[in-house]
Amino acid sequence: MFIVKYKKLFLGFSLVMVAFSVFSALYWSFPFGIEFTGGSLTEVSYLEDRPSVEELEEQFKTNSLTISTIQPTGENGYIIRTQELTNEKRQALLEALSLGGSAEFREERYDLIGPSIGQELRRKAWIAIALVLVGIMFFIAFVFRKVSHVTVDSEEVNVRSWHYAVITVVTLMHDIIVPVGIFAFLGSFLIHPQIDVLFVTALLVILGYSVHDTIVTFDRVRENLRHNHEAKIKKSFEETVGDSIRETYVRSINTSFTTLLTVAALFFFGGTVTKNFSLLLGIGIIAGTYSSICLAALLLTTVNTWKSGRKNA
């Protein structure tokens, strides 16, 4: 199988992408949204044509207002996120939104999120991601517990069930780090990203999608190992992994492609609020598909080679 034969190339590419993504996330970092830091959210709808974002930004500068994000909503509305506002600052915000009284609008809602609530949401978001990873690790270690007792070509396979679990988590970390890094890079010149509830939701969706793809590949490896063992077919572990990738990669690519069509429709035709969400999700799906085909299974062969070398040393 081509991928197994040139596994150093594919593993090296993954390493480069992770290194770039870590650098990108640290160098082009993006801020937490008001959901995690505390602040205010104001939604308005204009009675006539709404002003442009540039006009509003000019008004905000004139009134010395610091705005986190300005997001168009509906046909004539805006959602403005800011830091927590005093009464004076809130009145200044409303004055700026009216363009000095020349534009009429209706205030649809005004929400205030305190710093303590924001910190609690941030803590729970990290806990949610950590619990998902730990739960996935224990589940895979249990499901693949019988692979530890399989042999191929009269040699014991040195990949244990907990290796499958750890490799899955490593792959999932790759599938989170790469989208976040690319997202931060795009934020330096193309988009205005921030870590909000939708951002965390996208990461959790990526985790669920990617682990499903990885388990399909691993399950095929397990079934081929069992079949070769029972039929006494002499194939090395790397050959078995190569066969498993060949039998599943078309399915993985087709599934990801159809999912990307839906995500692309959400990006191009959905609301402004969901654009960053769909963009991050699309990057994550591509990274997850690549890792399931060209990373996870190759790490199995790497672990098996390493363990065999230690046994023979």
C-alpha atoms as a PDB file:
ATOM      1  CA  MET A   1       0.000   0.000   0.000  1.00  0.00           C
ATOM      2  CA  PHE A   2       1.372   3.398  -1.059  1.00  0.00           C
ATOM      3  CA  ILE A   3       0.556   5.124   2.247  1.00  0.00           C
ATOM      4  CA  VAL A   4       2.277   2.472   4.373  1.00  0.00           C
ATOM      5  CA  LYS A   5       5.267   2.330   2.024  1.00  0.00           C
ATOM      6  CA  TYR A   6       5.852   6.081   2.342  1.00  0.00           C
ATOM      7  CA  LYS A   7       4.717   6.416   5.940  1.00  0.00           C
ATOM      8  CA  LYS A   8       7.683   8.640   6.875  1.00  0.00           C
ATOM      9  CA  LEU A   9       6.499  11.177   4.310  1.00  0.00           C
ATOM     10  CA  PHE A  10       2.926  11.238   5.663  1.00  0.00           C
ATOM     11  CA  LEU A  11       3.991  11.241   9.310  1.00  0.00           C
ATOM     12  CA  GLY A  12       6.472  14.031   8.558  1.00  0.00           C
ATOM     13  CA  PHE A  13       3.777  16.105   6.876  1.00  0.00           C
ATOM     14  CA  SER A  14       1.527  15.704   9.933  1.00  0.00           C
ATOM     15  CA  LEU A  15       4.381  16.765  12.206  1.00  0.00           C
ATOM     16  CA  VAL A  16       5.042  19.851  10.085  1.00  0.00           C
ATOM     17  CA  MET A  17       1.353  20.793  10.102  1.00  0.00           C
ATOM     18  CA  VAL A  18       1.128  20.415  13.884  1.00  0.00           C
ATOM     19  CA  ALA A  19       4.284  22.502  14.376  1.00  0.00           C
ATOM     20  CA  PHE A  20       2.936  25.209  12.045  1.00  0.00           C
ATOM     21  CA  SER A  21      -0.434  25.166  13.783  1.00  0.00           C
ATOM     22  CA  VAL A  22       1.074  25.499  17.262  1.00  0.00           C
ATOM     23  CA  PHE A  23       3.223  28.402  16.068  1.00  0.00           C
ATOM     24  CA  SER A  24       0.259  29.980  14.320  1.00  0.00           C
ATOM     25  CA  ALA A  25      -2.016  29.675  17.368  1.00  0.00           C
ATOM     26  CA  LEU A  26       0.641  31.251  19.599  1.00  0.00           C
ATOM     27  CA  TYR A  27       1.720  33.974  17.164  1.00  0.00           C
ATOM     28  CA  TRP A  28      -1.689  34.904  15.733  1.00  0.00           C
ATOM     29  CA  SER A  29      -3.705  34.205  18.856  1.00  0.00           C
ATOM     30  CA  PHE A  30      -7.340  35.246  18.912  1.00  0.00           C
ATOM     31  CA  PRO A  31      -9.344  36.457  21.900  1.00  0.00           C
ATOM     32  CA  PHE A  32     -12.007  34.812  23.994  1.00  0.00           C
ATOM     33  CA  GLY A  33     -15.554  35.938  23.271  1.00  0.00           C
ATOM     34  CA  ILE A  34     -17.707  37.663  25.831  1.00  0.00           C
ATOM     35  CA  GLU A  35     -19.234  34.285  26.743  1.00  0.00           C
ATOM     36  CA  PHE A  36     -15.910  33.445  28.427  1.00  0.00           C
ATOM     37  CA  THR A  37     -14.635  36.866  29.518  1.00  0.00           C
ATOM     38  CA  GLY A  38     -17.849  38.653  30.403  1.00  0.00           C
ATOM     39  CA  GLY A  39     -19.324  41.579  28.508  1.00  0.00           C
ATOM     40  CA  SER A  40     -22.477  42.770  26.800  1.00  0.00           C
ATOM     41  CA  LEU A  41     -24.395  41.838  23.675  1.00  0.00           C
ATOM     42  CA  THR A  42     -26.644  44.306  21.885  1.00  0.00           C
ATOM     43  CA  GLU A  43     -28.889  43.375  18.970  1.00  0.00           C
ATOM     44  CA  VAL A  44     -30.597  46.077  16.925  1.00  0.00           C
ATOM     45  CA  SER A  45     -32.673  46.145  13.768  1.00  0.00           C
ATOM     46  CA  TYR A  46     -32.908  49.264  11.593  1.00  0.00           C
ATOM     47  CA  LEU A  47     -36.287  50.491  10.424  1.00  0.00           C
ATOM     48  CA  GLU A  48     -34.860  51.353   7.002  1.00  0.00           C
ATOM     49  CA  ASP A  49     -31.618  50.384   5.252  1.00  0.00           C
ATOM     50  CA  ARG A  50     -28.953  49.558   7.770  1.00  0.00           C
ATOM     51  CA  PRO A  51     -25.651  51.436   7.669  1.00  0.00           C
ATOM     52  CA  SER A  52     -22.469  49.680   6.608  1.00  0.00           C
ATOM     53  CA  VAL A  53     -20.048  48.143   9.074  1.00  0.00           C
ATOM     54  CA  GLU A  54     -17.466  50.777   8.118  1.00  0.00           C
ATOM     55  CA  GLU A  55     -19.888  53.592   9.009  1.00  0.00           C
ATOM     56  CA  LEU A  56     -20.561  52.059  12.398  1.00  0.00           C
ATOM     57  CA  GLU A  57     -16.878  51.485  13.110  1.00  0.00           C
ATOM     58  CA  GLU A  58     -16.205  55.158  12.376  1.00  0.00           C
ATOM     59  CA  GLN A  59     -18.952  56.129  14.825  1.00  0.00           C
ATOM     60  CA  PHE A  60     -17.542  53.805  17.476  1.00  0.00           C
ATOM     61  CA  LYS A  61     -14.110  55.411  17.129  1.00  0.00           C
ATOM     62  CA  THR A  62     -15.652  58.874  17.413  1.00  0.00           C
ATOM     63  CA  ASN A  63     -17.393  57.846  20.659  1.00  0.00           C
ATOM     64  CA  SER A  64     -14.268  56.055  22.013  1.00  0.00           C
ATOM     65  CA  LEU A  65     -15.997  52.666  22.106  1.00  0.00           C
ATOM     66  CA  THR A  66     -14.104  49.372  22.008  1.00  0.00           C
ATOM     67  CA  ILE A  67     -16.115  46.794  20.067  1.00  0.00           C
ATOM     68  CA  SER A  68     -15.379  43.082  20.120  1.00  0.00           C
ATOM     69  CA  THR A  69     -17.397  42.071  17.047  1.00  0.00           C
ATOM     70  CA  ILE A  70     -20.047  43.484  14.724  1.00  0.00           C
ATOM     71  CA  GLN A  71     -22.117  40.789  13.047  1.00  0.00           C
ATOM     72  CA  PRO A  72     -24.907  41.464  10.541  1.00  0.00           C
ATOM     73  CA  THR A  73     -28.090  39.545  11.287  1.00  0.00           C
ATOM     74  CA  GLY A  74     -31.215  39.264   9.196  1.00  0.00           C
ATOM     75  CA  GLU A  75     -31.801  41.899   6.534  1.00  0.00           C
ATOM     76  CA  ASN A  76     -31.515  45.047   8.641  1.00  0.00           C
ATOM     77  CA  GLY A  77     -29.901  44.086  11.920  1.00  0.00           C
ATOM     78  CA  TYR A  78     -26.594  43.906  13.749  1.00  0.00           C
ATOM     79  CA  ILE A  79     -25.306  42.048  16.796  1.00  0.00           C
ATOM     80  CA  ILE A  80     -22.634  44.022  18.639  1.00  0.00           C
ATOM     81  CA  ARG A  81     -20.458  42.407  21.297  1.00  0.00           C
ATOM     82  CA  THR A  82     -18.527  44.647  23.658  1.00  0.00           C
ATOM     83  CA  GLN A  83     -16.931  44.608  27.060  1.00  0.00           C
ATOM     84  CA  GLU A  84     -19.205  45.298  30.002  1.00  0.00           C
ATOM     85  CA  LEU A  85     -20.694  48.774  29.517  1.00  0.00           C
ATOM     86  CA  THR A  86     -21.466  51.475  32.027  1.00  0.00           C
ATOM     87  CA  ASN A  87     -24.700  53.430  31.597  1.00  0.00           C
ATOM     88  CA  GLU A  88     -22.762  56.249  29.943  1.00  0.00           C
ATOM     89  CA  LYS A  89     -20.995  53.888  27.544  1.00  0.00           C
ATOM     90  CA  ARG A  90     -24.256  52.148  26.690  1.00  0.00           C
ATOM     91  CA  GLN A  91     -25.871  55.461  25.805  1.00  0.00           C
ATOM     92  CA  ALA A  92     -22.813  56.301  23.705  1.00  0.00           C
ATOM     93  CA  LEU A  93     -23.195  52.950  21.922  1.00  0.00           C
ATOM     94  CA  LEU A  94     -26.835  53.636  21.104  1.00  0.00           C
ATOM     95  CA  GLU A  95     -25.911  57.115  19.885  1.00  0.00           C
ATOM     96  CA  ALA A  96     -23.221  55.620  17.616  1.00  0.00           C
ATOM     97  CA  LEU A  97     -25.651  53.030  16.251  1.00  0.00           C
ATOM     98  CA  SER A  98     -28.059  55.809  15.298  1.00  0.00           C
ATOM     99  CA  LEU A  99     -25.246  57.587  13.399  1.00  0.00           C
ATOM    100  CA  GLY A 100     -25.786  60.669  15.511  1.00  0.00           C
ATOM    101  CA  GLY A 101     -29.581  60.441  15.292  1.00  0.00           C
ATOM    102  CA  SER A 102     -29.857  60.083  11.505  1.00  0.00           C
ATOM    103  CA  ALA A 103     -30.705  56.347  11.502  1.00  0.00           C
ATOM    104  CA  GLU A 104     -33.682  54.881  13.323  1.00  0.00           C
ATOM    105  CA  PHE A 105     -33.440  51.436  14.849  1.00  0.00           C
ATOM    106  CA  ARG A 106     -35.138  49.182  17.376  1.00  0.00           C
ATOM    107  CA  GLU A 107     -33.188  47.512  20.171  1.00  0.00           C
ATOM    108  CA  GLU A 108     -34.136  43.847  20.064  1.00  0.00           C
ATOM    109  CA  ARG A 109     -32.176  42.692  23.082  1.00  0.00           C
ATOM    110  CA  TYR A 110     -29.433  43.581  25.502  1.00  0.00           C
ATOM    111  CA  ASP A 111     -27.651  40.820  27.438  1.00  0.00           C
ATOM    112  CA  LEU A 112     -25.016  41.226  30.106  1.00  0.00           C
ATOM    113  CA  ILE A 113     -22.652  38.410  31.036  1.00  0.00           C
ATOM    114  CA  GLY A 114     -20.648  38.862  34.226  1.00  0.00           C
ATOM    115  CA  PRO A 115     -16.932  37.943  34.431  1.00  0.00           C
ATOM    116  CA  SER A 116     -17.604  35.154  36.952  1.00  0.00           C
ATOM    117  CA  ILE A 117     -20.088  33.476  34.591  1.00  0.00           C
ATOM    118  CA  GLY A 118     -17.615  33.825  31.735  1.00  0.00           C
ATOM    119  CA  GLN A 119     -14.833  32.183  33.728  1.00  0.00           C
ATOM    120  CA  GLU A 120     -17.143  29.332  34.718  1.00  0.00           C
ATOM    121  CA  LEU A 121     -18.109  28.747  31.069  1.00  0.00           C
ATOM    122  CA  ARG A 122     -14.444  28.741  30.054  1.00  0.00           C
ATOM    123  CA  ARG A 123     -13.609  26.185  32.744  1.00  0.00           C
ATOM    124  CA  LYS A 124     -16.528  23.956  31.776  1.00  0.00           C
ATOM    125  CA  ALA A 125     -15.572  24.140  28.104  1.00  0.00           C
ATOM    126  CA  TRP A 126     -12.076  22.792  28.807  1.00  0.00           C
ATOM    127  CA  ILE A 127     -13.540  20.143  31.120  1.00  0.00           C
ATOM    128  CA  ALA A 128     -15.973  19.052  28.403  1.00  0.00           C
ATOM    129  CA  ILE A 129     -13.173  18.592  25.858  1.00  0.00           C
ATOM    130  CA  ALA A 130     -10.984  16.728  28.381  1.00  0.00           C
ATOM    131  CA  LEU A 131     -13.827  14.403  29.412  1.00  0.00           C
ATOM    132  CA  VAL A 132     -14.583  13.608  25.768  1.00  0.00           C
ATOM    133  CA  LEU A 133     -10.948  12.623  25.156  1.00  0.00           C
ATOM    134  CA  VAL A 134     -10.725  10.501  28.323  1.00  0.00           C
ATOM    135  CA  GLY A 135     -14.044   8.801  27.576  1.00  0.00           C
ATOM    136  CA  ILE A 136     -12.950   7.984  24.030  1.00  0.00           C
ATOM    137  CA  MET A 137      -9.656   6.548  25.305  1.00  0.00           C
ATOM    138  CA  PHE A 138     -11.319   4.158  27.776  1.00  0.00           C
ATOM    139  CA  PHE A 139     -13.985   3.128  25.257  1.00  0.00           C
ATOM    140  CA  ILE A 140     -11.457   2.193  22.565  1.00  0.00           C
ATOM    141  CA  ALA A 141      -9.200   0.383  25.047  1.00  0.00           C
ATOM    142  CA  PHE A 142     -12.208  -1.746  26.033  1.00  0.00           C
ATOM    143  CA  VAL A 143     -13.513  -2.380  22.506  1.00  0.00           C
ATOM    144  CA  PHE A 144     -10.109  -3.415  21.132  1.00  0.00           C
ATOM    145  CA  ARG A 145      -9.087  -5.501  24.154  1.00  0.00           C
ATOM    146  CA  LYS A 146      -8.957  -8.757  22.127  1.00  0.00           C
ATOM    147  CA  VAL A 147      -6.401  -7.532  19.575  1.00  0.00           C
ATOM    148  CA  SER A 148      -3.653  -8.155  22.137  1.00  0.00           C
ATOM    149  CA  HIS A 149      -4.016 -11.908  21.624  1.00  0.00           C
ATOM    150  CA  VAL A 150      -3.697 -12.030  17.821  1.00  0.00           C
ATOM    151  CA  THR A 151      -0.654 -13.172  15.824  1.00  0.00           C
ATOM    152  CA  VAL A 152       0.241 -12.576  12.182  1.00  0.00           C
ATOM    153  CA  ASP A 153       2.760 -14.567  10.129  1.00  0.00           C
ATOM    154  CA  SER A 154       3.554 -16.652  13.248  1.00  0.00           C
ATOM    155  CA  GLU A 155       4.624 -13.531  15.134  1.00  0.00           C
ATOM    156  CA  GLU A 156       2.791 -11.837  17.957  1.00  0.00           C
ATOM    157  CA  VAL A 157       1.380  -8.397  17.225  1.00  0.00           C
ATOM    158  CA  ASN A 158       2.975  -5.929  19.629  1.00  0.00           C
ATOM    159  CA  VAL A 159       0.160  -3.381  19.478  1.00  0.00           C
ATOM    160  CA  ARG A 160      -2.070  -3.640  22.535  1.00  0.00           C
ATOM    161  CA  SER A 161      -5.572  -2.284  23.051  1.00  0.00           C
ATOM    162  CA  TRP A 162      -4.317   0.685  25.058  1.00  0.00           C
ATOM    163  CA  HIS A 163      -2.033   1.557  22.119  1.00  0.00           C
ATOM    164  CA  TYR A 164      -5.138   1.929  19.955  1.00  0.00           C
ATOM    165  CA  ALA A 165      -6.635   4.198  22.617  1.00  0.00           C
ATOM    166  CA  VAL A 166      -3.559   6.406  22.978  1.00  0.00           C
ATOM    167  CA  ILE A 167      -3.056   6.658  19.217  1.00  0.00           C
ATOM    168  CA  THR A 168      -6.698   7.673  18.825  1.00  0.00           C
ATOM    169  CA  VAL A 169      -6.270  10.492  21.333  1.00  0.00           C
ATOM    170  CA  VAL A 170      -3.029  11.594  19.647  1.00  0.00           C
ATOM    171  CA  THR A 171      -4.884  11.646  16.331  1.00  0.00           C
ATOM    172  CA  LEU A 172      -7.719  13.655  17.857  1.00  0.00           C
ATOM    173  CA  MET A 173      -5.257  16.172  19.268  1.00  0.00           C
ATOM    174  CA  HIS A 174      -3.884  16.523  15.731  1.00  0.00           C
ATOM    175  CA  ASP A 175      -7.435  17.078  14.475  1.00  0.00           C
ATOM    176  CA  ILE A 176      -7.959  19.895  16.995  1.00  0.00           C
ATOM    177  CA  ILE A 177      -4.562  21.585  16.810  1.00  0.00           C
ATOM    178  CA  VAL A 178      -4.417  21.793  13.005  1.00  0.00           C
ATOM    179  CA  PRO A 179      -7.828  23.494  12.526  1.00  0.00           C
ATOM    180  CA  VAL A 180      -7.164  25.905  15.393  1.00  0.00           C
ATOM    181  CA  GLY A 181      -3.761  26.817  13.939  1.00  0.00           C
ATOM    182  CA  ILE A 182      -5.098  27.331  10.421  1.00  0.00           C
ATOM    183  CA  PHE A 183      -8.023  29.275  11.873  1.00  0.00           C
ATOM    184  CA  ALA A 184      -5.601  31.565  13.710  1.00  0.00           C
ATOM    185  CA  PHE A 185      -3.530  32.007  10.532  1.00  0.00           C
ATOM    186  CA  LEU A 186      -6.612  32.956   8.506  1.00  0.00           C
ATOM    187  CA  GLY A 187      -7.576  35.330  11.293  1.00  0.00           C
ATOM    188  CA  SER A 188      -4.420  37.335  10.671  1.00  0.00           C
ATOM    189  CA  PHE A 189      -5.693  38.612   7.308  1.00  0.00           C
ATOM    190  CA  LEU A 190      -9.054  37.116   6.285  1.00  0.00           C
ATOM    191  CA  ILE A 191     -11.466  36.555   9.169  1.00  0.00           C
ATOM    192  CA  HIS A 192     -12.067  37.835  12.700  1.00  0.00           C
ATOM    193  CA  PRO A 193     -12.023  34.720  14.879  1.00  0.00           C
ATOM    194  CA  GLN A 194     -12.700  34.491  18.575  1.00  0.00           C
ATOM    195  CA  ILE A 195     -13.148  31.664  21.056  1.00  0.00           C
ATOM    196  CA  ASP A 196     -16.860  31.557  21.756  1.00  0.00           C
ATOM    197  CA  VAL A 197     -19.505  28.897  22.362  1.00  0.00           C
ATOM    198  CA  LEU A 198     -19.741  28.065  18.644  1.00  0.00           C
ATOM    199  CA  PHE A 199     -15.951  27.651  18.520  1.00  0.00           C
ATOM    200  CA  VAL A 200     -16.023  25.082  21.334  1.00  0.00           C
ATOM    201  CA  THR A 201     -19.043  23.386  19.737  1.00  0.00           C
ATOM    202  CA  ALA A 202     -17.140  23.058  16.450  1.00  0.00           C
ATOM    203  CA  LEU A 203     -14.199  21.421  18.245  1.00  0.00           C
ATOM    204  CA  LEU A 204     -16.500  18.907  19.940  1.00  0.00           C
ATOM    205  CA  VAL A 205     -18.164  18.108  16.594  1.00  0.00           C
ATOM    206  CA  ILE A 206     -14.721  17.610  15.024  1.00  0.00           C
ATOM    207  CA  LEU A 207     -13.783  15.217  17.842  1.00  0.00           C
ATOM    208  CA  GLY A 208     -16.916  13.152  17.317  1.00  0.00           C
ATOM    209  CA  TYR A 209     -16.584  13.080  13.541  1.00  0.00           C
ATOM    210  CA  SER A 210     -12.880  12.258  13.531  1.00  0.00           C
ATOM    211  CA  VAL A 211     -13.032   9.475  16.117  1.00  0.00           C
ATOM    212  CA  HIS A 212     -15.790   7.789  14.111  1.00  0.00           C
ATOM    213  CA  ASP A 213     -13.583   7.775  11.006  1.00  0.00           C
ATOM    214  CA  THR A 214     -10.565   6.521  12.957  1.00  0.00           C
ATOM    215  CA  ILE A 215     -12.519   3.709  14.602  1.00  0.00           C
ATOM    216  CA  VAL A 216     -13.736   2.517  11.183  1.00  0.00           C
ATOM    217  CA  THR A 217     -10.103   2.138  10.055  1.00  0.00           C
ATOM    218  CA  PHE A 218      -9.034   0.508  13.325  1.00  0.00           C
ATOM    219  CA  ASP A 219     -11.989  -1.874  13.222  1.00  0.00           C
ATOM    220  CA  ARG A 220     -10.970  -2.980   9.738  1.00  0.00           C
ATOM    221  CA  VAL A 221      -7.432  -3.612  11.018  1.00  0.00           C
ATOM    222  CA  ARG A 222      -8.856  -5.701  13.846  1.00  0.00           C
ATOM    223  CA  GLU A 223     -11.077  -7.731  11.517  1.00  0.00           C
ATOM    224  CA  ASN A 224      -8.241  -8.360   9.050  1.00  0.00           C
ATOM    225  CA  LEU A 225      -5.931  -9.435  11.871  1.00  0.00           C
ATOM    226  CA  ARG A 226      -8.557 -11.882  13.112  1.00  0.00           C
ATOM    227  CA  HIS A 227      -9.253 -13.186   9.600  1.00  0.00           C
ATOM    228  CA  ASN A 228      -5.560 -13.681   8.792  1.00  0.00           C
ATOM    229  CA  HIS A 229      -5.023 -15.426  12.116  1.00  0.00           C
ATOM    230  CA  GLU A 230      -7.981 -17.798  11.704  1.00  0.00           C
ATOM    231  CA  ALA A 231      -7.284 -18.502   8.004  1.00  0.00           C
ATOM    232  CA  LYS A 232      -3.552 -18.783   8.677  1.00  0.00           C
ATOM    233  CA  ILE A 233      -2.788 -16.210   5.999  1.00  0.00           C
ATOM    234  CA  LYS A 234       0.837 -15.107   6.197  1.00  0.00           C
ATOM    235  CA  LYS A 235       0.830 -11.333   6.056  1.00  0.00           C
ATOM    236  CA  SER A 236       2.927  -8.952   8.098  1.00  0.00           C
ATOM    237  CA  PHE A 237       1.287  -6.385  10.345  1.00  0.00           C
ATOM    238  CA  GLU A 238       2.198  -3.582   7.935  1.00  0.00           C
ATOM    239  CA  GLU A 239       0.640  -5.470   5.023  1.00  0.00           C
ATOM    240  CA  THR A 240      -2.514  -6.005   7.066  1.00  0.00           C
ATOM    241  CA  VAL A 241      -2.697  -2.313   7.946  1.00  0.00           C
ATOM    242  CA  GLY A 242      -2.140  -1.414   4.285  1.00  0.00           C
ATOM    243  CA  ASP A 243      -5.012  -3.700   3.243  1.00  0.00           C
ATOM    244  CA  SER A 244      -7.231  -2.110   5.880  1.00  0.00           C
ATOM    245  CA  ILE A 245      -6.480   1.416   4.668  1.00  0.00           C
ATOM    246  CA  ARG A 246      -7.159   0.400   1.066  1.00  0.00           C
ATOM    247  CA  GLU A 247     -10.510  -1.086   2.060  1.00  0.00           C
ATOM    248  CA  THR A 248     -11.692   1.996   3.985  1.00  0.00           C
ATOM    249  CA  TYR A 249     -10.162   5.121   2.436  1.00  0.00           C
ATOM    250  CA  VAL A 250     -12.745   5.441  -0.370  1.00  0.00           C
ATOM    251  CA  ARG A 251     -15.549   5.278   2.178  1.00  0.00           C
ATOM    252  CA  SER A 252     -13.832   7.892   4.377  1.00  0.00           C
ATOM    253  CA  ILE A 253     -13.252  10.294   1.492  1.00  0.00           C
ATOM    254  CA  ASN A 254     -16.793   9.944   0.151  1.00  0.00           C
ATOM    255  CA  THR A 255     -18.334  10.491   3.585  1.00  0.00           C
ATOM    256  CA  SER A 256     -16.168  13.538   4.233  1.00  0.00           C
ATOM    257  CA  PHE A 257     -16.889  14.988   0.797  1.00  0.00           C
ATOM    258  CA  THR A 258     -20.653  14.796   1.237  1.00  0.00           C
ATOM    259  CA  THR A 259     -20.335  16.307   4.725  1.00  0.00           C
ATOM    260  CA  LEU A 260     -18.190  19.121   3.353  1.00  0.00           C
ATOM    261  CA  LEU A 261     -20.906  19.932   0.819  1.00  0.00           C
ATOM    262  CA  THR A 262     -23.300  20.567   3.689  1.00  0.00           C
ATOM    263  CA  VAL A 263     -20.736  22.614   5.608  1.00  0.00           C
ATOM    264  CA  ALA A 264     -19.951  24.634   2.459  1.00  0.00           C
ATOM    265  CA  ALA A 265     -23.657  25.387   2.003  1.00  0.00           C
ATOM    266  CA  LEU A 266     -23.790  26.599   5.607  1.00  0.00           C
ATOM    267  CA  PHE A 267     -20.728  28.777   5.014  1.00  0.00           C
ATOM    268  CA  PHE A 268     -21.882  30.408   1.780  1.00  0.00           C
ATOM    269  CA  PHE A 269     -25.627  30.601   2.371  1.00  0.00           C
ATOM    270  CA  GLY A 270     -25.919  30.579   6.160  1.00  0.00           C
ATOM    271  CA  GLY A 271     -25.917  33.554   8.458  1.00  0.00           C
ATOM    272  CA  THR A 272     -22.842  35.582   9.344  1.00  0.00           C
ATOM    273  CA  VAL A 273     -22.881  34.193  12.865  1.00  0.00           C
ATOM    274  CA  THR A 274     -22.227  30.641  11.606  1.00  0.00           C
ATOM    275  CA  LYS A 275     -19.538  31.443   9.011  1.00  0.00           C
ATOM    276  CA  ASN A 276     -16.596  30.976  11.367  1.00  0.00           C
ATOM    277  CA  PHE A 277     -18.254  27.892  12.845  1.00  0.00           C
ATOM    278  CA  SER A 278     -18.682  26.251   9.434  1.00  0.00           C
ATOM    279  CA  LEU A 279     -15.168  27.267   8.332  1.00  0.00           C
ATOM    280  CA  LEU A 280     -13.559  25.717  11.414  1.00  0.00           C
ATOM    281  CA  LEU A 281     -15.731  22.630  11.032  1.00  0.00           C
ATOM    282  CA  GLY A 282     -14.736  22.250   7.378  1.00  0.00           C
ATOM    283  CA  ILE A 283     -11.020  22.492   8.182  1.00  0.00           C
ATOM    284  CA  GLY A 284     -11.491  19.967  10.991  1.00  0.00           C
ATOM    285  CA  ILE A 285     -13.268  17.483   8.710  1.00  0.00           C
ATOM    286  CA  ILE A 286     -10.415  17.647   6.188  1.00  0.00           C
ATOM    287  CA  ALA A 287      -7.803  17.241   8.934  1.00  0.00           C
ATOM    288  CA  GLY A 288      -9.771  14.364  10.475  1.00  0.00           C
ATOM    289  CA  THR A 289     -10.076  12.539   7.164  1.00  0.00           C
ATOM    290  CA  TYR A 290      -6.355  12.889   6.522  1.00  0.00           C
ATOM    291  CA  SER A 291      -5.441  11.693  10.015  1.00  0.00           C
ATOM    292  CA  SER A 292      -7.738   8.664   9.835  1.00  0.00           C
ATOM    293  CA  ILE A 293      -6.169   7.510   6.571  1.00  0.00           C
ATOM    294  CA  CYS A 294      -2.587   8.769   6.773  1.00  0.00           C
ATOM    295  CA  LEU A 295      -1.808   9.093  10.479  1.00  0.00           C
ATOM    296  CA  ALA A 296      -3.706   6.825  12.859  1.00  0.00           C
ATOM    297  CA  ALA A 297      -3.048   3.512  11.077  1.00  0.00           C
ATOM    298  CA  LEU A 298       0.570   4.471  10.357  1.00  0.00           C
ATOM    299  CA  LEU A 299       1.139   5.120  14.051  1.00  0.00           C
ATOM    300  CA  LEU A 300       0.007   1.534  14.677  1.00  0.00           C
ATOM    301  CA  THR A 301       2.759   0.226  12.396  1.00  0.00           C
ATOM    302  CA  THR A 302       5.280   2.558  14.016  1.00  0.00           C
ATOM    303  CA  VAL A 303       4.414   1.300  17.501  1.00  0.00           C
ATOM    304  CA  ASN A 304       4.551  -2.324  16.338  1.00  0.00           C
ATOM    305  CA  THR A 305       7.975  -1.827  14.734  1.00  0.00           C
ATOM    306  CA  TRP A 306       9.278  -0.046  17.818  1.00  0.00           C
ATOM    307  CA  LYS A 307       7.998  -2.706  20.210  1.00  0.00           C
ATOM    308  CA  SER A 308       9.377  -5.508  18.022  1.00  0.00           C
ATOM    309  CA  GLY A 309      12.770  -3.817  17.953  1.00  0.00           C
ATOM    310  CA  ARG A 310      12.817  -3.554  21.730  1.00  0.00           C
ATOM    311  CA  LYS A 311      11.929  -7.230  22.095  1.00  0.00           C
ATOM    312  CA  ASN A 312      14.685  -8.304  19.712  1.00  0.00           C
ATOM    313  CA  ALA A 313      17.278  -6.032  21.292  1.00  0.00           C
END
